[in-house]
Amino acid sequence: AMERIAKLMKEDRDANFKAASDDGKILNQWSTVGLLASSATTNETGWLTYKTVRSLGMVAIDNQARI
């Protein structure tokens, strides 16, 4: 299951990742995927999750505590 998820994520990221805007501004964003994080984790886990997801270029990140 993990290999399939990774494969599908890679395919979607390759197809929809935007490195720069039309006017040349650096974007590095992957806007077709989002993440809903848990509110029942530690601050350290939240920080690591945020950094990992941002490094992939995801811009839609939210936390369960906001819902």
PDB file of N, CA and C in Angstrom:
ATOM      1  N   ALA A   1       0.823  -1.196   0.000  1.00  0.00           N
ATOM      2  CA  ALA A   1       0.000   0.000   0.000  1.00  0.00           C
ATOM      3  C   ALA A   1       0.871   1.267   0.000  1.00  0.00           C
ATOM      4  N   MET A   2       1.962   1.243   0.772  1.00  0.00           N
ATOM      5  CA  MET A   2       2.836   2.431   0.838  1.00  0.00           C
ATOM      6  C   MET A   2       3.500   2.706  -0.514  1.00  0.00           C
ATOM      7  N   GLU A   3       3.892   1.646  -1.210  1.00  0.00           N
ATOM      8  CA  GLU A   3       4.505   1.831  -2.522  1.00  0.00           C
ATOM      9  C   GLU A   3       3.514   2.424  -3.517  1.00  0.00           C
ATOM     10  N   ARG A   4       2.273   1.978  -3.454  1.00  0.00           N
ATOM     11  CA  ARG A   4       1.237   2.520  -4.346  1.00  0.00           C
ATOM     12  C   ARG A   4       0.960   3.981  -4.035  1.00  0.00           C
ATOM     13  N   ILE A   5       0.859   4.323  -2.757  1.00  0.00           N
ATOM     14  CA  ILE A   5       0.627   5.709  -2.369  1.00  0.00           C
ATOM     15  C   ILE A   5       1.780   6.588  -2.837  1.00  0.00           C
ATOM     16  N   ALA A   6       3.013   6.140  -2.623  1.00  0.00           N
ATOM     17  CA  ALA A   6       4.183   6.908  -3.049  1.00  0.00           C
ATOM     18  C   ALA A   6       4.198   7.078  -4.560  1.00  0.00           C
ATOM     19  N   LYS A   7       3.862   6.029  -5.293  1.00  0.00           N
ATOM     20  CA  LYS A   7       3.836   6.106  -6.760  1.00  0.00           C
ATOM     21  C   LYS A   7       2.799   7.112  -7.231  1.00  0.00           C
ATOM     22  N   LEU A   8       1.598   7.047  -6.671  1.00  0.00           N
ATOM     23  CA  LEU A   8       0.542   7.973  -7.068  1.00  0.00           C
ATOM     24  C   LEU A   8       0.869   9.417  -6.686  1.00  0.00           C
ATOM     25  N   MET A   9       1.471   9.613  -5.524  1.00  0.00           N
ATOM     26  CA  MET A   9       1.883  10.964  -5.126  1.00  0.00           C
ATOM     27  C   MET A   9       2.931  11.504  -6.086  1.00  0.00           C
ATOM     28  N   LYS A  10       3.908  10.684  -6.443  1.00  0.00           N
ATOM     29  CA  LYS A  10       4.962  11.113  -7.366  1.00  0.00           C
ATOM     30  C   LYS A  10       4.392  11.471  -8.727  1.00  0.00           C
ATOM     31  N   GLU A  11       3.482  10.646  -9.237  1.00  0.00           N
ATOM     32  CA  GLU A  11       2.861  10.931 -10.535  1.00  0.00           C
ATOM     33  C   GLU A  11       2.105  12.252 -10.502  1.00  0.00           C
ATOM     34  N   ASP A  12       1.325  12.476  -9.432  1.00  0.00           N
ATOM     35  CA  ASP A  12       0.557  13.718  -9.331  1.00  0.00           C
ATOM     36  C   ASP A  12       1.475  14.927  -9.168  1.00  0.00           C
ATOM     37  N   ARG A  13       2.513  14.785  -8.365  1.00  0.00           N
ATOM     38  CA  ARG A  13       3.445  15.899  -8.160  1.00  0.00           C
ATOM     39  C   ARG A  13       4.182  16.242  -9.450  1.00  0.00           C
ATOM     40  N   ASP A  14       4.620  15.231 -10.175  1.00  0.00           N
ATOM     41  CA  ASP A  14       5.307  15.472 -11.442  1.00  0.00           C
ATOM     42  C   ASP A  14       4.394  16.170 -12.448  1.00  0.00           C
ATOM     43  N   ALA A  15       3.113  15.822 -12.426  1.00  0.00           N
ATOM     44  CA  ALA A  15       2.169  16.405 -13.381  1.00  0.00           C
ATOM     45  C   ALA A  15       1.714  17.802 -12.993  1.00  0.00           C
ATOM     46  N   ASN A  16       1.711  18.141 -11.698  1.00  0.00           N
ATOM     47  CA  ASN A  16       1.098  19.395 -11.262  1.00  0.00           C
ATOM     48  C   ASN A  16       2.013  20.348 -10.502  1.00  0.00           C
ATOM     49  N   PHE A  17       3.275  20.019 -10.336  1.00  0.00           N
ATOM     50  CA  PHE A  17       4.195  20.885  -9.602  1.00  0.00           C
ATOM     51  C   PHE A  17       4.533  22.121 -10.430  1.00  0.00           C
ATOM     52  N   LYS A  18       4.469  23.288  -9.806  1.00  0.00           N
ATOM     53  CA  LYS A  18       4.826  24.536 -10.477  1.00  0.00           C
ATOM     54  C   LYS A  18       6.066  25.109  -9.814  1.00  0.00           C
ATOM     55  N   ALA A  19       7.152  25.150 -10.550  1.00  0.00           N
ATOM     56  CA  ALA A  19       8.409  25.672 -10.022  1.00  0.00           C
ATOM     57  C   ALA A  19       8.438  27.191 -10.064  1.00  0.00           C
ATOM     58  N   ALA A  20       7.801  27.784 -11.082  1.00  0.00           N
ATOM     59  CA  ALA A  20       7.818  29.246 -11.225  1.00  0.00           C
ATOM     60  C   ALA A  20       6.514  29.707 -11.871  1.00  0.00           C
ATOM     61  N   SER A  21       6.169  30.960 -11.607  1.00  0.00           N
ATOM     62  CA  SER A  21       4.979  31.544 -12.212  1.00  0.00           C
ATOM     63  C   SER A  21       5.305  31.978 -13.642  1.00  0.00           C
ATOM     64  N   ASP A  22       4.298  32.463 -14.349  1.00  0.00           N
ATOM     65  CA  ASP A  22       4.494  32.901 -15.730  1.00  0.00           C
ATOM     66  C   ASP A  22       5.472  34.069 -15.843  1.00  0.00           C
ATOM     67  N   ASP A  23       5.511  34.900 -14.800  1.00  0.00           N
ATOM     68  CA  ASP A  23       6.423  36.052 -14.848  1.00  0.00           C
ATOM     69  C   ASP A  23       7.797  35.750 -14.248  1.00  0.00           C
ATOM     70  N   GLY A  24       8.068  34.480 -13.923  1.00  0.00           N
ATOM     71  CA  GLY A  24       9.389  34.074 -13.461  1.00  0.00           C
ATOM     72  C   GLY A  24       9.579  34.025 -11.959  1.00  0.00           C
ATOM     73  N   LYS A  25       8.550  34.376 -11.175  1.00  0.00           N
ATOM     74  CA  LYS A  25       8.649  34.324  -9.712  1.00  0.00           C
ATOM     75  C   LYS A  25       8.687  32.862  -9.252  1.00  0.00           C
ATOM     76  N   ILE A  26       9.605  32.537  -8.345  1.00  0.00           N
ATOM     77  CA  ILE A  26       9.747  31.176  -7.849  1.00  0.00           C
ATOM     78  C   ILE A  26       8.553  30.815  -6.961  1.00  0.00           C
ATOM     79  N   LEU A  27       7.894  29.704  -7.274  1.00  0.00           N
ATOM     80  CA  LEU A  27       6.732  29.259  -6.509  1.00  0.00           C
ATOM     81  C   LEU A  27       7.022  27.993  -5.714  1.00  0.00           C
ATOM     82  N   ASN A  28       7.533  26.959  -6.383  1.00  0.00           N
ATOM     83  CA  ASN A  28       7.758  25.647  -5.765  1.00  0.00           C
ATOM     84  C   ASN A  28       6.519  25.175  -5.019  1.00  0.00           C
ATOM     85  N   GLN A  29       5.405  25.044  -5.744  1.00  0.00           N
ATOM     86  CA  GLN A  29       4.168  24.630  -5.093  1.00  0.00           C
ATOM     87  C   GLN A  29       3.505  23.465  -5.808  1.00  0.00           C
ATOM     88  N   TRP A  30       2.847  22.663  -5.009  1.00  0.00           N
ATOM     89  CA  TRP A  30       2.082  21.512  -5.468  1.00  0.00           C
ATOM     90  C   TRP A  30       0.680  21.704  -4.909  1.00  0.00           C
ATOM     91  N   SER A  31      -0.188  22.294  -5.700  1.00  0.00           N
ATOM     92  CA  SER A  31      -1.480  22.738  -5.182  1.00  0.00           C
ATOM     93  C   SER A  31      -2.625  21.756  -5.384  1.00  0.00           C
ATOM     94  N   THR A  32      -2.387  20.583  -5.940  1.00  0.00           N
ATOM     95  CA  THR A  32      -3.474  19.625  -6.150  1.00  0.00           C
ATOM     96  C   THR A  32      -3.652  18.653  -4.992  1.00  0.00           C
ATOM     97  N   VAL A  33      -2.819  18.749  -3.964  1.00  0.00           N
ATOM     98  CA  VAL A  33      -2.871  17.847  -2.812  1.00  0.00           C
ATOM     99  C   VAL A  33      -2.837  18.674  -1.539  1.00  0.00           C
ATOM    100  N   GLY A  34      -3.511  18.199  -0.510  1.00  0.00           N
ATOM    101  CA  GLY A  34      -3.473  18.867   0.783  1.00  0.00           C
ATOM    102  C   GLY A  34      -3.255  17.858   1.896  1.00  0.00           C
ATOM    103  N   LEU A  35      -3.084  18.370   3.100  1.00  0.00           N
ATOM    104  CA  LEU A  35      -2.857  17.499   4.249  1.00  0.00           C
ATOM    105  C   LEU A  35      -3.653  18.022   5.438  1.00  0.00           C
ATOM    106  N   LEU A  36      -4.317  17.123   6.123  1.00  0.00           N
ATOM    107  CA  LEU A  36      -4.988  17.447   7.367  1.00  0.00           C
ATOM    108  C   LEU A  36      -4.217  16.751   8.482  1.00  0.00           C
ATOM    109  N   ALA A  37      -3.546  17.530   9.303  1.00  0.00           N
ATOM    110  CA  ALA A  37      -2.718  16.989  10.373  1.00  0.00           C
ATOM    111  C   ALA A  37      -3.561  16.758  11.628  1.00  0.00           C
ATOM    112  N   SER A  38      -3.042  15.966  12.533  1.00  0.00           N
ATOM    113  CA  SER A  38      -3.732  15.632  13.773  1.00  0.00           C
ATOM    114  C   SER A  38      -3.443  16.680  14.843  1.00  0.00           C
ATOM    115  N   SER A  39      -4.415  16.902  15.695  1.00  0.00           N
ATOM    116  CA  SER A  39      -4.205  17.827  16.815  1.00  0.00           C
ATOM    117  C   SER A  39      -3.763  17.081  18.073  1.00  0.00           C
ATOM    118  N   ALA A  40      -3.659  15.771  17.999  1.00  0.00           N
ATOM    119  CA  ALA A  40      -3.320  14.960  19.168  1.00  0.00           C
ATOM    120  C   ALA A  40      -1.845  14.569  19.193  1.00  0.00           C
ATOM    121  N   THR A  41      -1.004  15.317  18.521  1.00  0.00           N
ATOM    122  CA  THR A  41       0.417  15.011  18.494  1.00  0.00           C
ATOM    123  C   THR A  41       1.196  16.080  19.260  1.00  0.00           C
ATOM    124  N   THR A  42       2.464  15.825  19.443  1.00  0.00           N
ATOM    125  CA  THR A  42       3.315  16.787  20.143  1.00  0.00           C
ATOM    126  C   THR A  42       3.702  17.931  19.208  1.00  0.00           C
ATOM    127  N   ASN A  43       4.226  18.988  19.772  1.00  0.00           N
ATOM    128  CA  ASN A  43       4.699  20.119  18.975  1.00  0.00           C
ATOM    129  C   ASN A  43       5.813  19.683  18.025  1.00  0.00           C
ATOM    130  N   GLU A  44       6.670  18.808  18.491  1.00  0.00           N
ATOM    131  CA  GLU A  44       7.778  18.335  17.662  1.00  0.00           C
ATOM    132  C   GLU A  44       7.275  17.555  16.452  1.00  0.00           C
ATOM    133  N   THR A  45       6.271  16.698  16.665  1.00  0.00           N
ATOM    134  CA  THR A  45       5.696  15.939  15.558  1.00  0.00           C
ATOM    135  C   THR A  45       5.003  16.868  14.578  1.00  0.00           C
ATOM    136  N   GLY A  46       4.299  17.855  15.081  1.00  0.00           N
ATOM    137  CA  GLY A  46       3.648  18.843  14.226  1.00  0.00           C
ATOM    138  C   GLY A  46       4.655  19.616  13.391  1.00  0.00           C
ATOM    139  N   TRP A  47       5.752  20.021  14.011  1.00  0.00           N
ATOM    140  CA  TRP A  47       6.797  20.760  13.301  1.00  0.00           C
ATOM    141  C   TRP A  47       7.397  19.895  12.202  1.00  0.00           C
ATOM    142  N   LEU A  48       7.703  18.624  12.516  1.00  0.00           N
ATOM    143  CA  LEU A  48       8.289  17.716  11.539  1.00  0.00           C
ATOM    144  C   LEU A  48       7.321  17.453  10.378  1.00  0.00           C
ATOM    145  N   THR A  49       6.049  17.275  10.689  1.00  0.00           N
ATOM    146  CA  THR A  49       5.036  17.077   9.655  1.00  0.00           C
ATOM    147  C   THR A  49       4.965  18.289   8.745  1.00  0.00           C
ATOM    148  N   TYR A  50       4.913  19.475   9.335  1.00  0.00           N
ATOM    149  CA  TYR A  50       4.842  20.721   8.570  1.00  0.00           C
ATOM    150  C   TYR A  50       6.057  20.868   7.656  1.00  0.00           C
ATOM    151  N   LYS A  51       7.252  20.644   8.167  1.00  0.00           N
ATOM    152  CA  LYS A  51       8.471  20.777   7.374  1.00  0.00           C
ATOM    153  C   LYS A  51       8.520  19.757   6.238  1.00  0.00           C
ATOM    154  N   THR A  52       8.098  18.527   6.508  1.00  0.00           N
ATOM    155  CA  THR A  52       8.108  17.483   5.489  1.00  0.00           C
ATOM    156  C   THR A  52       7.142  17.819   4.360  1.00  0.00           C
ATOM    157  N   VAL A  53       5.935  18.210   4.723  1.00  0.00           N
ATOM    158  CA  VAL A  53       4.913  18.512   3.723  1.00  0.00           C
ATOM    159  C   VAL A  53       5.295  19.757   2.918  1.00  0.00           C
ATOM    160  N   ARG A  54       5.813  20.777   3.583  1.00  0.00           N
ATOM    161  CA  ARG A  54       6.258  21.977   2.866  1.00  0.00           C
ATOM    162  C   ARG A  54       7.424  21.680   1.935  1.00  0.00           C
ATOM    163  N   SER A  55       8.304  20.766   2.324  1.00  0.00           N
ATOM    164  CA  SER A  55       9.437  20.432   1.454  1.00  0.00           C
ATOM    165  C   SER A  55       8.971  19.746   0.171  1.00  0.00           C
ATOM    166  N   LEU A  56       7.804  19.111   0.207  1.00  0.00           N
ATOM    167  CA  LEU A  56       7.232  18.518  -0.998  1.00  0.00           C
ATOM    168  C   LEU A  56       6.551  19.568  -1.879  1.00  0.00           C
ATOM    169  N   GLY A  57       6.292  20.748  -1.324  1.00  0.00           N
ATOM    170  CA  GLY A  57       5.662  21.821  -2.077  1.00  0.00           C
ATOM    171  C   GLY A  57       4.176  21.979  -1.818  1.00  0.00           C
ATOM    172  N   MET A  58       3.616  21.196  -0.892  1.00  0.00           N
ATOM    173  CA  MET A  58       2.185  21.314  -0.607  1.00  0.00           C
ATOM    174  C   MET A  58       1.883  22.668   0.015  1.00  0.00           C
ATOM    175  N   VAL A  59       0.794  23.284  -0.440  1.00  0.00           N
ATOM    176  CA  VAL A  59       0.409  24.573   0.116  1.00  0.00           C
ATOM    177  C   VAL A  59      -0.850  24.476   0.983  1.00  0.00           C
ATOM    178  N   ALA A  60      -1.643  23.424   0.793  1.00  0.00           N
ATOM    179  CA  ALA A  60      -2.874  23.245   1.557  1.00  0.00           C
ATOM    180  C   ALA A  60      -2.607  22.357   2.769  1.00  0.00           C
ATOM    181  N   ILE A  61      -2.281  22.983   3.891  1.00  0.00           N
ATOM    182  CA  ILE A  61      -2.005  22.271   5.127  1.00  0.00           C
ATOM    183  C   ILE A  61      -2.902  22.846   6.211  1.00  0.00           C
ATOM    184  N   ASP A  62      -3.592  21.976   6.915  1.00  0.00           N
ATOM    185  CA  ASP A  62      -4.439  22.444   8.001  1.00  0.00           C
ATOM    186  C   ASP A  62      -4.298  21.475   9.167  1.00  0.00           C
ATOM    187  N   ASN A  63      -4.788  21.914  10.323  1.00  0.00           N
ATOM    188  CA  ASN A  63      -4.705  21.103  11.513  1.00  0.00           C
ATOM    189  C   ASN A  63      -6.099  20.783  12.003  1.00  0.00           C
ATOM    190  N   GLN A  64      -6.273  19.601  12.515  1.00  0.00           N
ATOM    191  CA  GLN A  64      -7.567  19.128  12.994  1.00  0.00           C
ATOM    192  C   GLN A  64      -8.119  20.051  14.085  1.00  0.00           C
ATOM    193  N   ALA A  65      -7.277  20.737  14.811  1.00  0.00           N
ATOM    194  CA  ALA A  65      -7.735  21.604  15.892  1.00  0.00           C
ATOM    195  C   ALA A  65      -8.506  22.810  15.373  1.00  0.00           C
ATOM    196  N   ARG A  66      -8.299  23.180  14.112  1.00  0.00           N
ATOM    197  CA  ARG A  66      -9.007  24.332  13.536  1.00  0.00           C
ATOM    198  C   ARG A  66     -10.414  23.983  13.077  1.00  0.00           C
ATOM    199  N   ILE A  67     -10.723  22.704  12.941  1.00  0.00           N
ATOM    200  CA  ILE A  67     -12.017  22.293  12.378  1.00  0.00           C
ATOM    201  C   ILE A  67     -13.075  22.247  13.456  1.00  0.00           C
TER     202      ILE A  67
END
